Amino acid sequence: MITLNINGKDVQLDAPEDMPILWALRDVVHLTGTKFGCGMAQCGACTVHLDGQAIRSCVTPVTVAVGKKITTIEHMQNDKVGQVVQAAWSAVDVVQCGYCQSGQIMAATALLTSNKKPTDDDIDAAMSGNICRCGTYPRIRAAIHEAANKLA
């Protein structure tokens, strides 16, 4: 048994030590907001926070998270920055198909938690590797700037 802290609660999992966090979240804990995209940490759909840092859960084994805090998109409604980011996403109408958006929101929230006034270059660097097939990048950037303004 492995104990993980997921969204502020300790959860005991009967999972292999090398199971990626993504599959533990989706298949064992049944939190399906974190998406599978590529399985190679290249698309960002699986982004979650590990001790506040955005990570790719599809390639990170559960053992890496023991003793740390995993935060998923399901918990963003309880996070001040996450709430503001989600509101900005809605106000700017970022979403098209929506598949990548949980990863995008998680990456944006991690950025704005550590950098309250990001430049376009800061945003590009933080969001690099979070792929949106619909190409909503200008709206993603606009939503991050709007969220930053609300947090200021």
N, C-alpha and C. Protein backbone atom coordinates (compact mmCIF):
# COMPACT_ATOMS: atom_id res chain seq x y z
N MET A 1 0.84 -1.18 0.00
CA MET A 1 0.00 0.00 0.00
C MET A 1 0.88 1.25 0.00
N ILE A 2 0.44 2.21 -0.76
CA ILE A 2 1.13 3.50 -0.86
C ILE A 2 0.16 4.58 -0.38
N THR A 3 0.64 5.48 0.45
CA THR A 3 -0.19 6.59 0.90
C THR A 3 0.23 7.85 0.17
N LEU A 4 -0.74 8.48 -0.48
CA LEU A 4 -0.50 9.74 -1.18
C LEU A 4 -1.43 10.80 -0.62
N ASN A 5 -0.96 12.02 -0.56
CA ASN A 5 -1.81 13.14 -0.19
C ASN A 5 -2.33 13.75 -1.49
N ILE A 6 -3.62 13.58 -1.73
CA ILE A 6 -4.24 14.05 -2.96
C ILE A 6 -5.32 15.06 -2.59
N ASN A 7 -5.15 16.27 -3.06
CA ASN A 7 -6.11 17.35 -2.80
C ASN A 7 -6.38 17.52 -1.32
N GLY A 8 -5.31 17.40 -0.52
CA GLY A 8 -5.40 17.67 0.91
C GLY A 8 -5.83 16.49 1.77
N LYS A 9 -6.04 15.34 1.16
CA LYS A 9 -6.45 14.16 1.93
C LYS A 9 -5.49 13.01 1.67
N ASP A 10 -5.15 12.30 2.74
CA ASP A 10 -4.32 11.11 2.58
C ASP A 10 -5.18 9.97 2.04
N VAL A 11 -4.66 9.35 0.98
CA VAL A 11 -5.37 8.27 0.30
C VAL A 11 -4.44 7.07 0.24
N GLN A 12 -4.93 5.92 0.66
CA GLN A 12 -4.15 4.68 0.56
C GLN A 12 -4.47 4.02 -0.77
N LEU A 13 -3.42 3.68 -1.50
CA LEU A 13 -3.58 3.06 -2.81
C LEU A 13 -2.92 1.69 -2.83
N ASP A 14 -3.62 0.75 -3.40
CA ASP A 14 -3.03 -0.54 -3.70
C ASP A 14 -2.58 -0.46 -5.15
N ALA A 15 -1.34 0.02 -5.33
CA ALA A 15 -0.82 0.27 -6.67
C ALA A 15 0.65 -0.08 -6.72
N PRO A 16 1.12 -0.51 -7.89
CA PRO A 16 2.56 -0.77 -8.04
C PRO A 16 3.36 0.52 -7.87
N GLU A 17 4.57 0.39 -7.35
CA GLU A 17 5.42 1.57 -7.10
C GLU A 17 5.75 2.36 -8.36
N ASP A 18 5.76 1.69 -9.51
CA ASP A 18 6.12 2.38 -10.74
C ASP A 18 4.90 2.90 -11.51
N MET A 19 3.71 2.76 -10.93
CA MET A 19 2.51 3.26 -11.61
C MET A 19 2.60 4.79 -11.72
N PRO A 20 2.39 5.34 -12.92
CA PRO A 20 2.38 6.79 -13.05
C PRO A 20 1.24 7.41 -12.23
N ILE A 21 1.51 8.58 -11.68
CA ILE A 21 0.51 9.30 -10.90
C ILE A 21 -0.79 9.44 -11.70
N LEU A 22 -0.69 9.70 -12.99
CA LEU A 22 -1.88 9.86 -13.82
C LEU A 22 -2.84 8.69 -13.67
N TRP A 23 -2.30 7.47 -13.77
CA TRP A 23 -3.17 6.29 -13.73
C TRP A 23 -3.65 6.02 -12.32
N ALA A 24 -2.86 6.38 -11.32
CA ALA A 24 -3.34 6.25 -9.94
C ALA A 24 -4.52 7.19 -9.73
N LEU A 25 -4.41 8.41 -10.23
CA LEU A 25 -5.49 9.37 -10.07
C LEU A 25 -6.75 8.91 -10.82
N ARG A 26 -6.58 8.54 -12.07
CA ARG A 26 -7.74 8.22 -12.90
C ARG A 26 -8.34 6.84 -12.58
N ASP A 27 -7.50 5.82 -12.50
CA ASP A 27 -8.01 4.45 -12.41
C ASP A 27 -8.21 3.95 -10.99
N VAL A 28 -7.43 4.46 -10.05
CA VAL A 28 -7.53 3.98 -8.67
C VAL A 28 -8.39 4.93 -7.83
N VAL A 29 -8.13 6.23 -7.93
CA VAL A 29 -8.84 7.21 -7.11
C VAL A 29 -10.09 7.75 -7.83
N HIS A 30 -10.17 7.55 -9.12
CA HIS A 30 -11.33 7.94 -9.95
C HIS A 30 -11.49 9.45 -10.06
N LEU A 31 -10.37 10.17 -10.08
CA LEU A 31 -10.36 11.60 -10.38
C LEU A 31 -9.99 11.73 -11.85
N THR A 32 -10.97 12.01 -12.69
CA THR A 32 -10.75 11.94 -14.14
C THR A 32 -10.54 13.30 -14.81
N GLY A 33 -10.38 14.36 -14.03
CA GLY A 33 -10.12 15.66 -14.62
C GLY A 33 -8.75 15.76 -15.25
N THR A 34 -7.79 15.04 -14.73
CA THR A 34 -6.44 14.99 -15.30
C THR A 34 -6.49 14.06 -16.50
N LYS A 35 -6.06 14.54 -17.65
CA LYS A 35 -6.24 13.81 -18.90
C LYS A 35 -4.96 13.12 -19.36
N PHE A 36 -5.15 12.02 -20.09
CA PHE A 36 -4.06 11.35 -20.79
C PHE A 36 -3.99 11.96 -22.17
N GLY A 37 -2.80 12.38 -22.55
CA GLY A 37 -2.62 12.93 -23.89
C GLY A 37 -1.64 12.11 -24.69
N CYS A 38 -0.37 12.19 -24.34
CA CYS A 38 0.67 11.53 -25.13
C CYS A 38 1.37 10.39 -24.40
N GLY A 39 1.39 10.44 -23.08
CA GLY A 39 2.10 9.42 -22.31
C GLY A 39 3.60 9.59 -22.28
N MET A 40 4.09 10.72 -22.81
CA MET A 40 5.53 10.95 -22.89
C MET A 40 5.95 12.31 -22.34
N ALA A 41 5.08 12.95 -21.57
CA ALA A 41 5.36 14.26 -20.95
C ALA A 41 5.61 15.36 -21.97
N GLN A 42 4.99 15.25 -23.14
CA GLN A 42 5.23 16.25 -24.17
C GLN A 42 4.03 17.13 -24.47
N CYS A 43 2.83 16.77 -23.99
CA CYS A 43 1.65 17.56 -24.36
C CYS A 43 1.07 18.38 -23.21
N GLY A 44 1.29 17.97 -21.97
CA GLY A 44 0.82 18.74 -20.82
C GLY A 44 -0.60 18.45 -20.36
N ALA A 45 -1.34 17.59 -21.05
CA ALA A 45 -2.72 17.31 -20.66
C ALA A 45 -2.80 16.69 -19.26
N CYS A 46 -1.73 16.04 -18.83
CA CYS A 46 -1.71 15.33 -17.55
C CYS A 46 -1.14 16.17 -16.41
N THR A 47 -0.99 17.47 -16.61
CA THR A 47 -0.34 18.33 -15.61
C THR A 47 -1.12 18.38 -14.31
N VAL A 48 -0.41 18.14 -13.21
CA VAL A 48 -0.92 18.30 -11.85
C VAL A 48 0.16 19.06 -11.08
N HIS A 49 -0.13 19.42 -9.85
CA HIS A 49 0.87 20.05 -8.99
C HIS A 49 1.41 19.02 -8.01
N LEU A 50 2.71 19.03 -7.83
CA LEU A 50 3.36 18.24 -6.79
C LEU A 50 4.09 19.25 -5.91
N ASP A 51 3.60 19.42 -4.68
CA ASP A 51 4.11 20.46 -3.79
C ASP A 51 4.14 21.82 -4.48
N GLY A 52 3.07 22.11 -5.24
CA GLY A 52 2.91 23.41 -5.87
C GLY A 52 3.57 23.58 -7.22
N GLN A 53 4.38 22.62 -7.63
CA GLN A 53 5.07 22.71 -8.92
C GLN A 53 4.30 21.91 -9.97
N ALA A 54 4.17 22.47 -11.16
CA ALA A 54 3.51 21.76 -12.25
C ALA A 54 4.40 20.61 -12.71
N ILE A 55 3.83 19.41 -12.75
CA ILE A 55 4.57 18.23 -13.22
C ILE A 55 3.71 17.46 -14.21
N ARG A 56 4.35 16.61 -14.97
CA ARG A 56 3.64 15.72 -15.91
C ARG A 56 3.39 14.40 -15.20
N SER A 57 2.15 14.14 -14.90
CA SER A 57 1.80 12.96 -14.11
C SER A 57 1.86 11.66 -14.91
N CYS A 58 1.93 11.74 -16.23
CA CYS A 58 1.95 10.51 -17.04
C CYS A 58 3.28 9.78 -16.95
N VAL A 59 4.34 10.47 -16.54
CA VAL A 59 5.66 9.83 -16.46
C VAL A 59 6.24 9.87 -15.05
N THR A 60 5.49 10.37 -14.09
CA THR A 60 5.98 10.48 -12.73
C THR A 60 5.41 9.35 -11.89
N PRO A 61 6.26 8.44 -11.40
CA PRO A 61 5.75 7.31 -10.61
C PRO A 61 5.21 7.75 -9.26
N VAL A 62 4.25 7.01 -8.75
CA VAL A 62 3.61 7.35 -7.48
C VAL A 62 4.62 7.47 -6.34
N THR A 63 5.69 6.70 -6.37
CA THR A 63 6.66 6.75 -5.28
C THR A 63 7.31 8.11 -5.14
N VAL A 64 7.39 8.87 -6.23
CA VAL A 64 7.97 10.21 -6.19
C VAL A 64 7.09 11.14 -5.34
N ALA A 65 5.80 10.84 -5.27
CA ALA A 65 4.85 11.71 -4.57
C ALA A 65 4.64 11.36 -3.11
N VAL A 66 5.22 10.27 -2.65
CA VAL A 66 5.05 9.88 -1.25
C VAL A 66 5.64 10.97 -0.35
N GLY A 67 4.85 11.45 0.60
CA GLY A 67 5.29 12.50 1.50
C GLY A 67 5.14 13.90 0.94
N LYS A 68 4.56 14.01 -0.25
CA LYS A 68 4.35 15.31 -0.90
C LYS A 68 2.86 15.50 -1.13
N LYS A 69 2.49 16.66 -1.63
CA LYS A 69 1.09 16.97 -1.87
C LYS A 69 0.81 17.03 -3.36
N ILE A 70 -0.12 16.20 -3.80
CA ILE A 70 -0.59 16.23 -5.18
C ILE A 70 -1.86 17.07 -5.21
N THR A 71 -1.92 17.99 -6.16
CA THR A 71 -3.13 18.79 -6.34
C THR A 71 -3.58 18.62 -7.78
N THR A 72 -4.88 18.35 -7.96
CA THR A 72 -5.44 18.13 -9.29
C THR A 72 -6.42 19.25 -9.64
N ILE A 73 -6.88 19.24 -10.86
CA ILE A 73 -7.86 20.22 -11.33
C ILE A 73 -9.11 20.21 -10.47
N GLU A 74 -9.47 19.06 -9.92
CA GLU A 74 -10.66 18.97 -9.09
C GLU A 74 -10.56 19.84 -7.83
N HIS A 75 -9.35 20.18 -7.43
CA HIS A 75 -9.13 20.96 -6.21
C HIS A 75 -8.99 22.47 -6.48
N MET A 76 -8.94 22.86 -7.74
CA MET A 76 -8.72 24.28 -8.06
C MET A 76 -9.83 25.17 -7.54
N GLN A 77 -11.01 24.64 -7.36
CA GLN A 77 -12.11 25.45 -6.82
C GLN A 77 -11.85 25.86 -5.37
N ASN A 78 -10.91 25.18 -4.71
CA ASN A 78 -10.55 25.48 -3.32
C ASN A 78 -9.25 26.27 -3.21
N ASP A 79 -8.67 26.63 -4.33
CA ASP A 79 -7.39 27.35 -4.37
C ASP A 79 -7.67 28.77 -4.87
N LYS A 80 -7.25 29.78 -4.11
CA LYS A 80 -7.56 31.17 -4.48
C LYS A 80 -7.07 31.49 -5.89
N VAL A 81 -5.83 31.16 -6.19
CA VAL A 81 -5.29 31.44 -7.52
C VAL A 81 -6.03 30.61 -8.56
N GLY A 82 -6.28 29.35 -8.25
CA GLY A 82 -7.00 28.48 -9.17
C GLY A 82 -8.39 29.01 -9.50
N GLN A 83 -9.08 29.55 -8.50
CA GLN A 83 -10.40 30.13 -8.72
C GLN A 83 -10.33 31.30 -9.70
N VAL A 84 -9.34 32.16 -9.50
CA VAL A 84 -9.18 33.33 -10.36
C VAL A 84 -8.82 32.90 -11.78
N VAL A 85 -7.94 31.91 -11.91
CA VAL A 85 -7.56 31.42 -13.23
C VAL A 85 -8.78 30.83 -13.94
N GLN A 86 -9.56 30.01 -13.25
CA GLN A 86 -10.74 29.42 -13.87
C GLN A 86 -11.74 30.50 -14.28
N ALA A 87 -11.92 31.52 -13.47
CA ALA A 87 -12.83 32.62 -13.81
C ALA A 87 -12.33 33.36 -15.05
N ALA A 88 -11.02 33.58 -15.13
CA ALA A 88 -10.44 34.26 -16.29
C ALA A 88 -10.60 33.39 -17.55
N TRP A 89 -10.44 32.10 -17.40
CA TRP A 89 -10.62 31.19 -18.54
C TRP A 89 -12.04 31.34 -19.10
N SER A 90 -13.00 31.44 -18.20
CA SER A 90 -14.39 31.59 -18.61
C SER A 90 -14.64 32.97 -19.21
N ALA A 91 -14.13 34.02 -18.57
CA ALA A 91 -14.34 35.39 -19.04
C ALA A 91 -13.76 35.61 -20.43
N VAL A 92 -12.60 35.02 -20.69
CA VAL A 92 -11.93 35.20 -21.98
C VAL A 92 -12.44 34.18 -23.00
N ASP A 93 -13.20 33.21 -22.54
CA ASP A 93 -13.75 32.16 -23.41
C ASP A 93 -12.63 31.38 -24.10
N VAL A 94 -11.70 30.90 -23.28
CA VAL A 94 -10.53 30.18 -23.78
C VAL A 94 -10.89 28.86 -24.46
N VAL A 95 -11.78 28.13 -23.87
CA VAL A 95 -11.98 26.73 -24.26
C VAL A 95 -12.66 26.58 -25.61
N GLN A 96 -12.12 25.66 -26.41
CA GLN A 96 -12.81 25.19 -27.60
C GLN A 96 -13.20 23.74 -27.33
N CYS A 97 -12.33 22.79 -27.63
CA CYS A 97 -12.71 21.39 -27.37
C CYS A 97 -12.59 21.06 -25.89
N GLY A 98 -11.64 21.71 -25.20
CA GLY A 98 -11.51 21.57 -23.76
C GLY A 98 -10.60 20.46 -23.27
N TYR A 99 -10.14 19.58 -24.15
CA TYR A 99 -9.40 18.41 -23.69
C TYR A 99 -8.13 18.79 -22.93
N CYS A 100 -7.40 19.77 -23.39
CA CYS A 100 -6.12 20.14 -22.77
C CYS A 100 -6.28 21.09 -21.60
N GLN A 101 -7.47 21.60 -21.39
CA GLN A 101 -7.63 22.74 -20.50
C GLN A 101 -7.31 22.48 -19.04
N SER A 102 -7.54 21.28 -18.53
CA SER A 102 -7.17 21.04 -17.14
C SER A 102 -5.66 21.18 -16.97
N GLY A 103 -4.89 20.67 -17.91
CA GLY A 103 -3.44 20.83 -17.86
C GLY A 103 -3.02 22.28 -18.02
N GLN A 104 -3.70 22.99 -18.91
CA GLN A 104 -3.39 24.42 -19.12
C GLN A 104 -3.66 25.21 -17.84
N ILE A 105 -4.81 24.96 -17.22
CA ILE A 105 -5.17 25.68 -15.99
C ILE A 105 -4.20 25.35 -14.86
N MET A 106 -3.80 24.10 -14.76
CA MET A 106 -2.85 23.72 -13.71
C MET A 106 -1.50 24.41 -13.92
N ALA A 107 -1.04 24.48 -15.17
CA ALA A 107 0.24 25.15 -15.45
C ALA A 107 0.12 26.66 -15.17
N ALA A 108 -0.99 27.25 -15.59
CA ALA A 108 -1.19 28.69 -15.37
C ALA A 108 -1.28 29.01 -13.88
N THR A 109 -1.95 28.16 -13.12
CA THR A 109 -2.08 28.37 -11.68
C THR A 109 -0.71 28.28 -10.99
N ALA A 110 0.09 27.31 -11.39
CA ALA A 110 1.44 27.20 -10.82
C ALA A 110 2.25 28.45 -11.14
N LEU A 111 2.13 28.95 -12.38
CA LEU A 111 2.84 30.17 -12.77
C LEU A 111 2.42 31.34 -11.91
N LEU A 112 1.11 31.57 -11.79
CA LEU A 112 0.63 32.75 -11.07
C LEU A 112 0.79 32.64 -9.56
N THR A 113 0.96 31.45 -9.06
CA THR A 113 1.25 31.28 -7.64
C THR A 113 2.66 31.76 -7.33
N SER A 114 3.57 31.55 -8.28
CA SER A 114 4.96 31.94 -8.04
C SER A 114 5.34 33.29 -8.67
N ASN A 115 4.55 33.76 -9.62
CA ASN A 115 4.87 35.00 -10.33
C ASN A 115 3.56 35.76 -10.56
N LYS A 116 3.32 36.76 -9.75
CA LYS A 116 2.04 37.49 -9.79
C LYS A 116 1.91 38.43 -10.99
N LYS A 117 3.03 38.79 -11.61
CA LYS A 117 2.99 39.71 -12.75
C LYS A 117 3.84 39.16 -13.90
N PRO A 118 3.41 38.06 -14.50
CA PRO A 118 4.23 37.47 -15.56
C PRO A 118 4.20 38.28 -16.85
N THR A 119 5.34 38.31 -17.51
CA THR A 119 5.42 38.92 -18.84
C THR A 119 4.98 37.88 -19.86
N ASP A 120 4.86 38.30 -21.11
CA ASP A 120 4.55 37.34 -22.17
C ASP A 120 5.61 36.24 -22.23
N ASP A 121 6.87 36.62 -22.05
CA ASP A 121 7.95 35.63 -22.07
C ASP A 121 7.82 34.65 -20.90
N ASP A 122 7.45 35.16 -19.72
CA ASP A 122 7.24 34.28 -18.56
C ASP A 122 6.11 33.29 -18.84
N ILE A 123 5.04 33.79 -19.43
CA ILE A 123 3.89 32.94 -19.75
C ILE A 123 4.29 31.89 -20.77
N ASP A 124 4.98 32.32 -21.82
CA ASP A 124 5.41 31.37 -22.85
C ASP A 124 6.29 30.27 -22.26
N ALA A 125 7.20 30.65 -21.37
CA ALA A 125 8.10 29.66 -20.76
C ALA A 125 7.32 28.70 -19.87
N ALA A 126 6.41 29.23 -19.05
CA ALA A 126 5.65 28.38 -18.12
C ALA A 126 4.68 27.46 -18.85
N MET A 127 4.14 27.93 -19.96
CA MET A 127 3.13 27.16 -20.68
C MET A 127 3.74 26.30 -21.79
N SER A 128 5.03 26.44 -22.00
CA SER A 128 5.71 25.64 -23.02
C SER A 128 5.50 24.15 -22.74
N GLY A 129 5.12 23.43 -23.74
CA GLY A 129 4.89 22.00 -23.56
C GLY A 129 3.44 21.67 -23.23
N ASN A 130 2.62 22.67 -23.02
CA ASN A 130 1.18 22.44 -22.86
C ASN A 130 0.56 22.73 -24.23
N ILE A 131 0.23 21.68 -24.92
CA ILE A 131 -0.23 21.80 -26.30
C ILE A 131 -1.75 21.90 -26.35
N CYS A 132 -2.22 22.83 -27.18
CA CYS A 132 -3.64 23.00 -27.43
C CYS A 132 -3.86 22.74 -28.92
N ARG A 133 -4.50 21.64 -29.25
CA ARG A 133 -4.74 21.31 -30.65
C ARG A 133 -5.63 22.33 -31.34
N CYS A 134 -6.47 23.01 -30.58
CA CYS A 134 -7.37 24.01 -31.15
C CYS A 134 -6.68 25.34 -31.39
N GLY A 135 -5.49 25.53 -30.84
CA GLY A 135 -4.72 26.74 -31.06
C GLY A 135 -5.23 27.96 -30.30
N THR A 136 -5.71 27.76 -29.08
CA THR A 136 -6.25 28.89 -28.31
C THR A 136 -5.17 29.65 -27.55
N TYR A 137 -3.94 29.56 -27.99
CA TYR A 137 -2.83 30.18 -27.28
C TYR A 137 -3.01 31.67 -27.02
N PRO A 138 -3.49 32.47 -27.97
CA PRO A 138 -3.69 33.91 -27.66
C PRO A 138 -4.71 34.11 -26.53
N ARG A 139 -5.74 33.31 -26.49
CA ARG A 139 -6.74 33.45 -25.43
C ARG A 139 -6.20 32.93 -24.10
N ILE A 140 -5.37 31.89 -24.15
CA ILE A 140 -4.74 31.38 -22.91
C ILE A 140 -3.87 32.49 -22.31
N ARG A 141 -3.06 33.12 -23.15
CA ARG A 141 -2.20 34.21 -22.67
C ARG A 141 -3.05 35.36 -22.12
N ALA A 142 -4.11 35.72 -22.82
CA ALA A 142 -4.98 36.81 -22.37
C ALA A 142 -5.63 36.46 -21.03
N ALA A 143 -6.05 35.22 -20.87
CA ALA A 143 -6.66 34.79 -19.60
C ALA A 143 -5.66 34.84 -18.46
N ILE A 144 -4.42 34.46 -18.72
CA ILE A 144 -3.39 34.52 -17.68
C ILE A 144 -3.14 35.98 -17.28
N HIS A 145 -3.07 36.87 -18.26
CA HIS A 145 -2.90 38.29 -17.93
C HIS A 145 -4.11 38.81 -17.15
N GLU A 146 -5.31 38.42 -17.54
CA GLU A 146 -6.50 38.86 -16.81
C GLU A 146 -6.47 38.35 -15.37
N ALA A 147 -6.11 37.08 -15.19
CA ALA A 147 -6.02 36.51 -13.84
C ALA A 147 -4.96 37.26 -13.02
N ALA A 148 -3.83 37.55 -13.63
CA ALA A 148 -2.76 38.28 -12.94
C ALA A 148 -3.26 39.65 -12.48
N ASN A 149 -4.02 40.32 -13.34
CA ASN A 149 -4.56 41.64 -12.98
C ASN A 149 -5.54 41.52 -11.81
N LYS A 150 -6.34 40.49 -11.80
CA LYS A 150 -7.30 40.29 -10.70
C LYS A 150 -6.57 39.96 -9.40
N LEU A 151 -5.46 39.26 -9.49
CA LEU A 151 -4.71 38.88 -8.29
C LEU A 151 -3.86 40.03 -7.75
N ALA A 152 -3.61 41.04 -8.59
CA ALA A 152 -2.73 42.16 -8.18
C ALA A 152 -3.38 43.01 -7.10
